[in-house]
PDB file of N, CA and C in Angstrom:
ATOM      1  N   MET A   1      14.606 -18.571   5.348  1.00  0.00           N
ATOM      2  CA  MET A   1      13.473 -18.864   5.938  1.00  0.00           C
ATOM      3  C   MET A   1      11.817 -18.571   4.649  1.00  0.00           C
ATOM      4  N   GLU A   2      12.135 -17.570   3.954  1.00  0.00           N
ATOM      5  CA  GLU A   2      11.606 -17.141   3.332  1.00  0.00           C
ATOM      6  C   GLU A   2      11.627 -17.853   1.867  1.00  0.00           C
ATOM      7  N   GLN A   3      12.728 -18.271   1.391  1.00  0.00           N
ATOM      8  CA  GLN A   3      12.652 -19.693   0.818  1.00  0.00           C
ATOM      9  C   GLN A   3      11.521 -20.717   1.131  1.00  0.00           C
ATOM     10  N   GLY A   4      11.090 -21.294   2.553  1.00  0.00           N
ATOM     11  CA  GLY A   4       9.914 -21.281   2.989  1.00  0.00           C
ATOM     12  C   GLY A   4       9.150 -21.712   3.379  1.00  0.00           C
ATOM     13  N   ILE A   5       9.141 -20.022   3.587  1.00  0.00           N
ATOM     14  CA  ILE A   5       7.809 -19.669   3.662  1.00  0.00           C
ATOM     15  C   ILE A   5       6.971 -19.575   2.245  1.00  0.00           C
ATOM     16  N   ARG A   6       7.457 -19.525   1.129  1.00  0.00           N
ATOM     17  CA  ARG A   6       7.736 -18.933  -0.470  1.00  0.00           C
ATOM     18  C   ARG A   6       6.662 -21.019  -0.267  1.00  0.00           C
ATOM     19  N   CYS A   7       7.498 -21.873  -0.299  1.00  0.00           N
ATOM     20  CA  CYS A   7       6.944 -23.290  -0.703  1.00  0.00           C
ATOM     21  C   CYS A   7       6.026 -23.356   0.504  1.00  0.00           C
ATOM     22  N   LEU A   8       5.682 -23.000   1.554  1.00  0.00           N
ATOM     23  CA  LEU A   8       4.182 -23.374   2.479  1.00  0.00           C
ATOM     24  C   LEU A   8       3.609 -22.704   1.874  1.00  0.00           C
ATOM     25  N   ARG A   9       3.643 -21.450   1.524  1.00  0.00           N
ATOM     26  CA  ARG A   9       2.688 -20.335   0.454  1.00  0.00           C
ATOM     27  C   ARG A   9       1.845 -21.375  -1.221  1.00  0.00           C
ATOM     28  N   GLU A  10       3.177 -21.693  -1.946  1.00  0.00           N
ATOM     29  CA  GLU A  10       3.550 -23.056  -3.079  1.00  0.00           C
ATOM     30  C   GLU A  10       2.098 -23.670  -2.774  1.00  0.00           C
ATOM     31  N   LEU A  11       2.526 -24.611  -1.769  1.00  0.00           N
ATOM     32  CA  LEU A  11       1.865 -25.679  -1.204  1.00  0.00           C
ATOM     33  C   LEU A  11       0.261 -25.980  -1.393  1.00  0.00           C
ATOM     34  N   ALA A  12      -0.136 -24.637  -0.183  1.00  0.00           N
ATOM     35  CA  ALA A  12      -1.557 -24.057  -0.071  1.00  0.00           C
ATOM     36  C   ALA A  12      -2.476 -23.780  -1.278  1.00  0.00           C
ATOM     37  N   VAL A  13      -1.327 -23.479  -2.407  1.00  0.00           N
ATOM     38  CA  VAL A  13      -1.775 -22.913  -3.568  1.00  0.00           C
ATOM     39  C   VAL A  13      -2.567 -24.010  -5.087  1.00  0.00           C
ATOM     40  N   LEU A  14      -1.446 -25.071  -4.368  1.00  0.00           N
ATOM     41  CA  LEU A  14      -1.619 -26.508  -4.659  1.00  0.00           C
ATOM     42  C   LEU A  14      -3.283 -26.970  -3.981  1.00  0.00           C
ATOM     43  N   GLU A  15      -3.474 -26.694  -3.094  1.00  0.00           N
ATOM     44  CA  GLU A  15      -4.617 -27.063  -2.800  1.00  0.00           C
ATOM     45  C   GLU A  15      -5.238 -25.847  -2.901  1.00  0.00           C
ATOM     46  N   ILE A  16      -5.330 -25.327  -3.425  1.00  0.00           N
ATOM     47  CA  ILE A  16      -6.469 -24.392  -3.719  1.00  0.00           C
ATOM     48  C   ILE A  16      -7.530 -24.474  -5.297  1.00  0.00           C
ATOM     49  N   ILE A  17      -5.831 -24.769  -6.123  1.00  0.00           N
ATOM     50  CA  ILE A  17      -6.419 -25.494  -7.470  1.00  0.00           C
ATOM     51  C   ILE A  17      -7.007 -27.036  -7.204  1.00  0.00           C
ATOM     52  N   PHE A  18      -6.235 -27.854  -6.517  1.00  0.00           N
ATOM     53  CA  PHE A  18      -6.934 -28.607  -6.984  1.00  0.00           C
ATOM     54  C   PHE A  18      -7.904 -29.762  -6.142  1.00  0.00           C
ATOM     55  N   SER A  19      -9.043 -28.043  -4.978  1.00  0.00           N
ATOM     56  CA  SER A  19      -9.828 -28.211  -4.830  1.00  0.00           C
ATOM     57  C   SER A  19     -11.331 -28.405  -5.408  1.00  0.00           C
ATOM     58  N   GLU A  20     -11.942 -28.965  -4.770  1.00  0.00           N
ATOM     59  CA  GLU A  20     -13.127 -29.254  -5.578  1.00  0.00           C
ATOM     60  C   GLU A  20     -14.102 -28.458  -5.120  1.00  0.00           C
ATOM     61  N   ASP A  21     -14.007 -27.978  -4.050  1.00  0.00           N
ATOM     62  CA  ASP A  21     -15.205 -26.576  -2.767  1.00  0.00           C
ATOM     63  C   ASP A  21     -14.841 -25.657  -3.637  1.00  0.00           C
ATOM     64  N   GLU A  22     -15.921 -25.117  -3.895  1.00  0.00           N
ATOM     65  CA  GLU A  22     -15.910 -23.557  -4.283  1.00  0.00           C
ATOM     66  C   GLU A  22     -15.992 -22.702  -3.216  1.00  0.00           C
ATOM     67  N   ARG A  23     -16.587 -23.450  -2.273  1.00  0.00           N
ATOM     68  CA  ARG A  23     -16.065 -22.236  -0.255  1.00  0.00           C
ATOM     69  C   ARG A  23     -14.613 -22.616  -0.096  1.00  0.00           C
ATOM     70  N   PHE A  24     -13.571 -23.096  -0.636  1.00  0.00           N
ATOM     71  CA  PHE A  24     -12.658 -22.568  -0.337  1.00  0.00           C
ATOM     72  C   PHE A  24     -11.619 -21.488  -1.015  1.00  0.00           C
ATOM     73  N   PRO A  25     -11.196 -21.410   0.421  1.00  0.00           N
ATOM     74  CA  PRO A  25     -10.276 -20.349   0.601  1.00  0.00           C
ATOM     75  C   PRO A  25      -9.829 -19.747  -1.054  1.00  0.00           C
ATOM     76  N   LYS A  26      -9.810 -17.969  -1.350  1.00  0.00           N
ATOM     77  CA  LYS A  26      -8.908 -18.034  -3.318  1.00  0.00           C
ATOM     78  C   LYS A  26      -7.403 -17.661  -2.068  1.00  0.00           C
ATOM     79  N   SER A  27      -6.842 -17.289  -0.761  1.00  0.00           N
ATOM     80  CA  SER A  27      -5.275 -16.766  -0.341  1.00  0.00           C
ATOM     81  C   SER A  27      -4.866 -18.210  -0.103  1.00  0.00           C
ATOM     82  N   PRO A  28      -3.944 -18.463  -0.649  1.00  0.00           N
ATOM     83  CA  PRO A  28      -2.970 -18.781   0.036  1.00  0.00           C
ATOM     84  C   PRO A  28      -2.422 -19.155   1.997  1.00  0.00           C
ATOM     85  N   ASP A  29      -3.040 -17.954   2.272  1.00  0.00           N
ATOM     86  CA  ASP A  29      -2.723 -17.330   4.323  1.00  0.00           C
ATOM     87  C   ASP A  29      -4.103 -17.478   4.524  1.00  0.00           C
ATOM     88  N   ASP A  30      -4.301 -18.561   3.771  1.00  0.00           N
ATOM     89  CA  ASP A  30      -5.981 -18.483   4.230  1.00  0.00           C
ATOM     90  C   ASP A  30      -6.777 -20.499   4.765  1.00  0.00           C
ATOM     91  N   VAL A  31      -5.791 -20.587   3.757  1.00  0.00           N
ATOM     92  CA  VAL A  31      -5.786 -21.914   3.723  1.00  0.00           C
ATOM     93  C   VAL A  31      -5.188 -22.998   4.637  1.00  0.00           C
ATOM     94  N   GLN A  32      -5.759 -24.169   5.690  1.00  0.00           N
ATOM     95  CA  GLN A  32      -5.349 -24.772   6.360  1.00  0.00           C
ATOM     96  C   GLN A  32      -4.054 -25.851   6.143  1.00  0.00           C
ATOM     97  N   CYS A  33      -3.200 -25.691   7.407  1.00  0.00           N
ATOM     98  CA  CYS A  33      -2.148 -25.938   6.154  1.00  0.00           C
ATOM     99  C   CYS A  33      -2.107 -28.367   6.938  1.00  0.00           C
ATOM    100  N   THR A  34      -1.863 -28.778   5.946  1.00  0.00           N
ATOM    101  CA  THR A  34      -1.882 -29.925   5.664  1.00  0.00           C
ATOM    102  C   THR A  34      -1.299 -31.141   6.674  1.00  0.00           C
ATOM    103  N   SER A  35      -1.178 -32.346   7.173  1.00  0.00           N
ATOM    104  CA  SER A  35       0.371 -32.940   7.044  1.00  0.00           C
ATOM    105  C   SER A  35       0.865 -31.930   6.501  1.00  0.00           C
ATOM    106  N   GLN A  36       0.733 -33.467   5.238  1.00  0.00           N
ATOM    107  CA  GLN A  36       1.539 -33.056   3.973  1.00  0.00           C
ATOM    108  C   GLN A  36       2.342 -31.590   3.806  1.00  0.00           C
ATOM    109  N   MET A  37       1.830 -30.268   4.080  1.00  0.00           N
ATOM    110  CA  MET A  37       2.336 -29.289   3.652  1.00  0.00           C
ATOM    111  C   MET A  37       3.806 -29.302   4.222  1.00  0.00           C
ATOM    112  N   TRP A  38       2.487 -29.424   5.783  1.00  0.00           N
ATOM    113  CA  TRP A  38       3.719 -28.867   7.573  1.00  0.00           C
ATOM    114  C   TRP A  38       5.365 -29.664   7.074  1.00  0.00           C
ATOM    115  N   LEU A  39       4.900 -31.045   7.030  1.00  0.00           N
ATOM    116  CA  LEU A  39       5.504 -31.805   7.236  1.00  0.00           C
ATOM    117  C   LEU A  39       7.898 -31.378   5.607  1.00  0.00           C
ATOM    118  N   ARG A  40       6.655 -31.113   4.336  1.00  0.00           N
ATOM    119  CA  ARG A  40       7.709 -30.766   3.607  1.00  0.00           C
ATOM    120  C   ARG A  40       8.020 -28.833   3.877  1.00  0.00           C
ATOM    121  N   PHE A  41       7.269 -28.686   4.098  1.00  0.00           N
ATOM    122  CA  PHE A  41       7.797 -27.526   5.098  1.00  0.00           C
ATOM    123  C   PHE A  41       9.239 -27.291   6.385  1.00  0.00           C
ATOM    124  N   ALA A  42       8.776 -28.780   6.725  1.00  0.00           N
ATOM    125  CA  ALA A  42       9.765 -28.373   8.059  1.00  0.00           C
ATOM    126  C   ALA A  42      11.124 -28.703   8.000  1.00  0.00           C
ATOM    127  N   ARG A  43      10.687 -29.536   6.458  1.00  0.00           N
ATOM    128  CA  ARG A  43      11.596 -30.804   5.187  1.00  0.00           C
ATOM    129  C   ARG A  43      12.706 -29.224   5.274  1.00  0.00           C
ATOM    130  N   LEU A  44      12.120 -28.585   4.331  1.00  0.00           N
ATOM    131  CA  LEU A  44      13.143 -27.990   3.362  1.00  0.00           C
ATOM    132  C   LEU A  44      12.856 -26.015   4.030  1.00  0.00           C
ATOM    133  N   GLY A  45      13.492 -26.143   5.207  1.00  0.00           N
ATOM    134  CA  GLY A  45      13.432 -25.139   6.502  1.00  0.00           C
ATOM    135  C   GLY A  45      14.958 -24.990   6.310  1.00  0.00           C
ATOM    136  N   PRO A  46      14.863 -24.133   6.921  1.00  0.00           N
ATOM    137  CA  PRO A  46      16.983 -23.884   7.451  1.00  0.00           C
ATOM    138  C   PRO A  46      17.019 -24.954   8.918  1.00  0.00           C
ATOM    139  N   GLU A  47      18.266 -24.511   8.701  1.00  0.00           N
ATOM    140  CA  GLU A  47      18.777 -25.465  10.236  1.00  0.00           C
ATOM    141  C   GLU A  47      18.584 -25.090  11.132  1.00  0.00           C
ATOM    142  N   THR A  48      18.516 -24.154  11.468  1.00  0.00           N
ATOM    143  CA  THR A  48      18.601 -22.554  12.481  1.00  0.00           C
ATOM    144  C   THR A  48      17.232 -22.795  12.958  1.00  0.00           C
ATOM    145  N   TYR A  49      16.302 -22.984  12.011  1.00  0.00           N
ATOM    146  CA  TYR A  49      15.154 -22.864  12.970  1.00  0.00           C
ATOM    147  C   TYR A  49      14.607 -24.580  12.891  1.00  0.00           C
ATOM    148  N   SER A  50      15.389 -25.557  13.150  1.00  0.00           N
ATOM    149  CA  SER A  50      15.241 -27.049  12.947  1.00  0.00           C
ATOM    150  C   SER A  50      14.432 -27.590  14.375  1.00  0.00           C
ATOM    151  N   ARG A  51      14.514 -26.968  15.570  1.00  0.00           N
ATOM    152  CA  ARG A  51      14.961 -27.032  16.491  1.00  0.00           C
ATOM    153  C   ARG A  51      13.434 -26.703  17.592  1.00  0.00           C
ATOM    154  N   TYR A  52      13.331 -24.786  16.529  1.00  0.00           N
ATOM    155  CA  TYR A  52      12.091 -24.254  16.914  1.00  0.00           C
ATOM    156  C   TYR A  52      10.654 -24.387  15.711  1.00  0.00           C
ATOM    157  N   LEU A  53      10.624 -25.950  14.603  1.00  0.00           N
ATOM    158  CA  LEU A  53       9.586 -25.969  13.835  1.00  0.00           C
ATOM    159  C   LEU A  53       9.006 -26.952  14.907  1.00  0.00           C
ATOM    160  N   PRO A  54       9.196 -28.334  14.971  1.00  0.00           N
ATOM    161  CA  PRO A  54       8.599 -29.288  15.865  1.00  0.00           C
ATOM    162  C   PRO A  54       7.845 -28.560  16.964  1.00  0.00           C
ATOM    163  N   THR A  55       8.195 -26.735  18.402  1.00  0.00           N
ATOM    164  CA  THR A  55       6.971 -26.746  18.797  1.00  0.00           C
ATOM    165  C   THR A  55       5.710 -26.478  17.987  1.00  0.00           C
ATOM    166  N   LEU A  56       6.248 -26.145  17.068  1.00  0.00           N
ATOM    167  CA  LEU A  56       4.945 -25.424  16.304  1.00  0.00           C
ATOM    168  C   LEU A  56       4.018 -26.745  15.283  1.00  0.00           C
ATOM    169  N   GLN A  57       3.383 -28.108  16.344  1.00  0.00           N
ATOM    170  CA  GLN A  57       3.397 -29.216  15.958  1.00  0.00           C
ATOM    171  C   GLN A  57       2.072 -28.306  14.949  1.00  0.00           C
ATOM    172  N   TRP A  58       2.045 -29.747  14.398  1.00  0.00           N
ATOM    173  CA  TRP A  58       0.428 -29.535  12.999  1.00  0.00           C
ATOM    174  C   TRP A  58      -0.077 -30.301  14.149  1.00  0.00           C
ATOM    175  N   ARG A  59      -1.464 -29.561  13.366  1.00  0.00           N
ATOM    176  CA  ARG A  59      -2.534 -30.602  13.887  1.00  0.00           C
ATOM    177  C   ARG A  59      -4.139 -30.343  13.575  1.00  0.00           C
ATOM    178  N   GLU A  60      -4.621 -31.694  13.465  1.00  0.00           N
ATOM    179  CA  GLU A  60      -5.966 -31.559  12.695  1.00  0.00           C
ATOM    180  C   GLU A  60      -6.652 -30.491  12.300  1.00  0.00           C
ATOM    181  N   GLY A  61      -7.250 -29.777  11.451  1.00  0.00           N
ATOM    182  CA  GLY A  61      -7.748 -28.359  11.589  1.00  0.00           C
ATOM    183  C   GLY A  61      -7.409 -27.219  12.388  1.00  0.00           C
ATOM    184  N   GLY A  62      -5.531 -26.872  12.348  1.00  0.00           N
ATOM    185  CA  GLY A  62      -4.958 -26.083  13.147  1.00  0.00           C
ATOM    186  C   GLY A  62      -5.142 -25.103  12.541  1.00  0.00           C
ATOM    187  N   ASP A  63      -3.587 -24.857  12.767  1.00  0.00           N
ATOM    188  CA  ASP A  63      -3.377 -23.304  11.917  1.00  0.00           C
ATOM    189  C   ASP A  63      -3.046 -22.367  10.032  1.00  0.00           C
ATOM    190  N   TYR A  64      -3.682 -21.603  10.065  1.00  0.00           N
ATOM    191  CA  TYR A  64      -3.744 -21.384   8.909  1.00  0.00           C
ATOM    192  C   TYR A  64      -2.602 -20.994   8.289  1.00  0.00           C
ATOM    193  N   VAL A  65      -1.970 -21.548   7.288  1.00  0.00           N
ATOM    194  CA  VAL A  65      -0.562 -21.079   6.222  1.00  0.00           C
ATOM    195  C   VAL A  65      -0.354 -19.412   7.321  1.00  0.00           C
ATOM    196  N   GLY A  66      -1.373 -18.262   6.567  1.00  0.00           N
ATOM    197  CA  GLY A  66      -1.245 -17.140   7.517  1.00  0.00           C
ATOM    198  C   GLY A  66      -0.306 -16.831   8.865  1.00  0.00           C
ATOM    199  N   VAL A  67      -0.853 -17.785   9.779  1.00  0.00           N
ATOM    200  CA  VAL A  67      -0.862 -17.574  10.819  1.00  0.00           C
ATOM    201  C   VAL A  67       0.437 -18.662  11.048  1.00  0.00           C
ATOM    202  N   LEU A  68       0.748 -19.542  10.597  1.00  0.00           N
ATOM    203  CA  LEU A  68       1.949 -20.132  10.650  1.00  0.00           C
ATOM    204  C   LEU A  68       3.376 -19.126   9.802  1.00  0.00           C
ATOM    205  N   VAL A  69       3.316 -18.535   8.965  1.00  0.00           N
ATOM    206  CA  VAL A  69       3.659 -17.606   8.418  1.00  0.00           C
ATOM    207  C   VAL A  69       4.272 -16.389   9.630  1.00  0.00           C
ATOM    208  N   ASN A  70       3.468 -15.820  10.050  1.00  0.00           N
ATOM    209  CA  ASN A  70       3.609 -15.368  10.553  1.00  0.00           C
ATOM    210  C   ASN A  70       4.000 -14.843  12.461  1.00  0.00           C
ATOM    211  N   LYS A  71       4.232 -16.199  12.743  1.00  0.00           N
ATOM    212  CA  LYS A  71       4.572 -17.091  13.672  1.00  0.00           C
ATOM    213  C   LYS A  71       5.708 -16.821  12.977  1.00  0.00           C
ATOM    214  N   LEU A  72       6.558 -17.572  12.083  1.00  0.00           N
ATOM    215  CA  LEU A  72       7.447 -17.735  11.471  1.00  0.00           C
ATOM    216  C   LEU A  72       8.360 -16.112  11.493  1.00  0.00           C
ATOM    217  N   ARG A  73       8.070 -15.928  11.079  1.00  0.00           N
ATOM    218  CA  ARG A  73       8.951 -14.423  10.954  1.00  0.00           C
ATOM    219  C   ARG A  73       8.690 -13.815  12.295  1.00  0.00           C
ATOM    220  N   ILE A  74       7.969 -13.877  13.127  1.00  0.00           N
ATOM    221  CA  ILE A  74       7.868 -13.459  14.999  1.00  0.00           C
ATOM    222  C   ILE A  74       9.939 -14.175  15.204  1.00  0.00           C
ATOM    223  N   TYR A  75      10.094 -15.382  15.249  1.00  0.00           N
ATOM    224  CA  TYR A  75      10.332 -16.005  16.177  1.00  0.00           C
ATOM    225  C   TYR A  75      11.871 -15.865  15.033  1.00  0.00           C
ATOM    226  N   GLU A  76      12.107 -15.811  13.505  1.00  0.00           N
ATOM    227  CA  GLU A  76      13.360 -15.383  12.441  1.00  0.00           C
ATOM    228  C   GLU A  76      13.823 -14.040  12.726  1.00  0.00           C
ATOM    229  N   ASP A  77      12.324 -13.223  13.633  1.00  0.00           N
ATOM    230  CA  ASP A  77      13.613 -11.971  14.146  1.00  0.00           C
ATOM    231  C   ASP A  77      13.596 -11.674  15.567  1.00  0.00           C
ATOM    232  N   THR A  78      13.315 -12.653  16.446  1.00  0.00           N
ATOM    233  CA  THR A  78      13.450 -12.600  18.082  1.00  0.00           C
ATOM    234  C   THR A  78      14.976 -13.371  18.295  1.00  0.00           C
ATOM    235  N   VAL A  79      14.881 -15.150  16.582  1.00  0.00           N
ATOM    236  CA  VAL A  79      16.984 -14.929  17.100  1.00  0.00           C
ATOM    237  C   VAL A  79      17.066 -14.246  16.236  1.00  0.00           C
ATOM    238  N   THR A  80      17.527 -13.589  15.403  1.00  0.00           N
ATOM    239  CA  THR A  80      18.232 -12.548  14.176  1.00  0.00           C
ATOM    240  C   THR A  80      18.456 -11.083  14.280  1.00  0.00           C
ATOM    241  N   ALA A  81      17.736 -11.326  15.819  1.00  0.00           N
ATOM    242  CA  ALA A  81      17.610  -9.973  16.111  1.00  0.00           C
ATOM    243  C   ALA A  81      19.114  -9.231  17.206  1.00  0.00           C
ATOM    244  N   PRO A  82      19.243 -10.350  17.614  1.00  0.00           N
ATOM    245  CA  PRO A  82      20.144  -9.698  18.749  1.00  0.00           C
ATOM    246  C   PRO A  82      21.740  -9.760  18.268  1.00  0.00           C
ATOM    247  N   PHE A  83      21.694 -10.745  17.111  1.00  0.00           N
ATOM    248  CA  PHE A  83      22.941 -11.312  16.040  1.00  0.00           C
ATOM    249  C   PHE A  83      23.006  -9.593  14.869  1.00  0.00           C
ATOM    250  N   ARG A  84      21.323  -9.077  14.662  1.00  0.00           N
ATOM    251  CA  ARG A  84      22.384  -8.394  13.712  1.00  0.00           C
ATOM    252  C   ARG A  84      22.176  -6.663  14.551  1.00  0.00           C
ATOM    253  N   THR A  85      21.959  -6.843  16.403  1.00  0.00           N
ATOM    254  CA  THR A  85      22.805  -5.713  16.997  1.00  0.00           C
ATOM    255  C   THR A  85      24.421  -5.852  16.623  1.00  0.00           C
ATOM    256  N   HIS A  86      24.386  -7.271  17.695  1.00  0.00           N
ATOM    257  CA  HIS A  86      25.813  -7.134  18.250  1.00  0.00           C
ATOM    258  C   HIS A  86      26.719  -6.938  16.351  1.00  0.00           C
ATOM    259  N   VAL A  87      26.513  -7.509  15.209  1.00  0.00           N
ATOM    260  CA  VAL A  87      26.831  -7.369  13.997  1.00  0.00           C
ATOM    261  C   VAL A  87      27.141  -5.450  13.930  1.00  0.00           C
ATOM    262  N   SER A  88      26.076  -4.764  14.556  1.00  0.00           N
ATOM    263  CA  SER A  88      25.774  -3.408  14.354  1.00  0.00           C
ATOM    264  C   SER A  88      26.458  -2.645  14.784  1.00  0.00           C
ATOM    265  N   SER A  89      27.150  -2.973  16.239  1.00  0.00           N
ATOM    266  CA  SER A  89      28.313  -2.307  17.370  1.00  0.00           C
ATOM    267  C   SER A  89      30.008  -3.070  16.454  1.00  0.00           C
ATOM    268  N   MET A  90      30.347  -4.437  15.902  1.00  0.00           N
ATOM    269  CA  MET A  90      31.119  -4.576  16.114  1.00  0.00           C
ATOM    270  C   MET A  90      31.364  -3.580  15.050  1.00  0.00           C
ATOM    271  N   GLU A  91      30.752  -3.273  13.706  1.00  0.00           N
ATOM    272  CA  GLU A  91      30.660  -2.252  12.447  1.00  0.00           C
ATOM    273  C   GLU A  91      31.126  -0.974  12.577  1.00  0.00           C
ATOM    274  N   THR A  92      30.710  -0.328  13.668  1.00  0.00           N
ATOM    275  CA  THR A  92      30.744   0.538  14.351  1.00  0.00           C
ATOM    276  C   THR A  92      32.001   0.173  14.794  1.00  0.00           C
ATOM    277  N   ARG A  93      32.595  -0.126  15.628  1.00  0.00           N
ATOM    278  CA  ARG A  93      33.782   0.020  16.418  1.00  0.00           C
ATOM    279  C   ARG A  93      35.158  -0.384  14.943  1.00  0.00           C
ATOM    280  N   LEU A  94      34.868  -1.057  14.929  1.00  0.00           N
ATOM    281  CA  LEU A  94      35.523  -1.265  13.094  1.00  0.00           C
ATOM    282  C   LEU A  94      36.221   0.082  12.737  1.00  0.00           C
ATOM    283  N   ALA A  95      35.140   0.615  12.159  1.00  0.00           N
ATOM    284  CA  ALA A  95      34.787   1.847  11.502  1.00  0.00           C
ATOM    285  C   ALA A  95      35.812   2.723  12.269  1.00  0.00           C
ATOM    286  N   GLU A  96      35.878   3.414  13.455  1.00  0.00           N
ATOM    287  CA  GLU A  96      36.272   4.260  14.663  1.00  0.00           C
ATOM    288  C   GLU A  96      37.673   3.637  14.880  1.00  0.00           C
ATOM    289  N   GLN A  97      37.831   2.562  14.740  1.00  0.00           N
ATOM    290  CA  GLN A  97      39.104   2.088  14.827  1.00  0.00           C
ATOM    291  C   GLN A  97      40.127   2.205  12.853  1.00  0.00           C
ATOM    292  N   VAL A  98      39.470   2.312  11.960  1.00  0.00           N
ATOM    293  CA  VAL A  98      39.577   2.527  10.898  1.00  0.00           C
ATOM    294  C   VAL A  98      39.988   4.203  10.917  1.00  0.00           C
ATOM    295  N   TRP A  99      38.866   4.715  11.098  1.00  0.00           N
ATOM    296  CA  TRP A  99      39.150   5.573  10.710  1.00  0.00           C
ATOM    297  C   TRP A  99      40.421   6.665  11.889  1.00  0.00           C
ATOM    298  N   SER A 100      40.567   5.510  12.960  1.00  0.00           N
ATOM    299  CA  SER A 100      41.807   6.332  14.417  1.00  0.00           C
ATOM    300  C   SER A 100      43.185   5.607  13.500  1.00  0.00           C
ATOM    301  N   LEU A 101      43.113   4.469  12.718  1.00  0.00           N
ATOM    302  CA  LEU A 101      44.241   4.334  12.361  1.00  0.00           C
ATOM    303  C   LEU A 101      44.568   5.244  10.257  1.00  0.00           C
ATOM    304  N   ILE A 102      43.720   5.568   9.955  1.00  0.00           N
ATOM    305  CA  ILE A 102      43.825   6.475   9.175  1.00  0.00           C
ATOM    306  C   ILE A 102      44.443   8.201   9.751  1.00  0.00           C
ATOM    307  N   GLU A 103      43.749   8.785  10.020  1.00  0.00           N
ATOM    308  CA  GLU A 103      44.206   9.770  10.772  1.00  0.00           C
ATOM    309  C   GLU A 103      45.482   9.424  11.471  1.00  0.00           C
ATOM    310  N   GLU A 104      46.320   8.876  12.532  1.00  0.00           N
ATOM    311  CA  GLU A 104      47.262   8.576  12.605  1.00  0.00           C
ATOM    312  C   GLU A 104      48.476   8.336  11.512  1.00  0.00           C
ATOM    313  N   GLY A 105      47.833   7.965  10.242  1.00  0.00           N
ATOM    314  CA  GLY A 105      48.547   7.724   9.307  1.00  0.00           C
ATOM    315  C   GLY A 105      49.058   9.064   8.497  1.00  0.00           C
ATOM    316  N   HIS A 106      47.950   9.699   8.477  1.00  0.00           N
ATOM    317  CA  HIS A 106      48.122  10.884   8.255  1.00  0.00           C
ATOM    318  C   HIS A 106      48.629  12.458   8.930  1.00  0.00           C
ATOM    319  N   GLN A 107      48.663  11.668   9.956  1.00  0.00           N
ATOM    320  CA  GLN A 107      49.625  12.739  11.348  1.00  0.00           C
ATOM    321  C   GLN A 107      51.402  12.158  10.817  1.00  0.00           C
ATOM    322  N   LYS A 108      51.824  10.668  10.690  1.00  0.00           N
ATOM    323  CA  LYS A 108      52.914  10.783   9.996  1.00  0.00           C
ATOM    324  C   LYS A 108      53.493  11.231   8.662  1.00  0.00           C
ATOM    325  N   LEU A 109      51.731  11.291   8.201  1.00  0.00           N
ATOM    326  CA  LEU A 109      52.802  11.507   6.825  1.00  0.00           C
ATOM    327  C   LEU A 109      52.947  13.421   6.767  1.00  0.00           C
ATOM    328  N   LYS A 110      51.953  14.127   7.534  1.00  0.00           N
ATOM    329  CA  LYS A 110      52.383  15.235   7.830  1.00  0.00           C
ATOM    330  C   LYS A 110      53.750  16.020   8.361  1.00  0.00           C
ATOM    331  N   LYS A 111      54.095  14.970   9.421  1.00  0.00           N
ATOM    332  CA  LYS A 111      55.523  14.945   9.880  1.00  0.00           C
ATOM    333  C   LYS A 111      56.760  14.196   9.575  1.00  0.00           C
ATOM    334  N   GLU A 112      56.687  13.506   8.161  1.00  0.00           N
ATOM    335  CA  GLU A 112      57.397  13.365   7.274  1.00  0.00           C
ATOM    336  C   GLU A 112      57.433  14.162   6.583  1.00  0.00           C
ATOM    337  N   LEU A 113      57.105  14.967   5.725  1.00  0.00           N
ATOM    338  CA  LEU A 113      56.641  16.011   4.976  1.00  0.00           C
ATOM    339  C   LEU A 113      56.781  16.899   5.918  1.00  0.00           C
ATOM    340  N   LYS A 114      57.057  17.423   7.069  1.00  0.00           N
ATOM    341  CA  LYS A 114      57.731  18.882   7.431  1.00  0.00           C
ATOM    342  C   LYS A 114      59.397  18.852   7.196  1.00  0.00           C
ATOM    343  N   GLU A 115      59.939  17.073   7.634  1.00  0.00           N
ATOM    344  CA  GLU A 115      61.345  17.227   7.451  1.00  0.00           C
ATOM    345  C   GLU A 115      61.910  16.864   6.659  1.00  0.00           C
TER     346      GLU A 115
END
C-alpha cells in the first residue's frame, strides 16, 4: 500500500510542477485527485485492496490526495489488525511450546546424566 500511496503523491507532485496557476497547492496532500491519478493508483494498488478501491469512487472536485491517503491507511489498519493479532497469539503459543520442549529436553538430559 505504501508504494501505491507514494505513487499517488508523486503524481500529485507532477500536477504541482506542471500547473501554471500560482495559487496551486504546494503540498502533494493538498492537491485534488484527478481521474488519471486515481486510475493509475487503482491499477498499481495491491490486489488485497482491489475490492475496496472502487468504493472510494473518484469524483470531479472530490477528495484531496491527503484525504485519500488517510482513508487508505485506515482501511489497511482495519484489514490487517485482526491478522496481526492472530499472528501475535500464534507466536506466543509457539514460543510457549518451544519453551516446554526445551524444559522437557533438559529434564530428560538431567535424568540420563544421573543414571
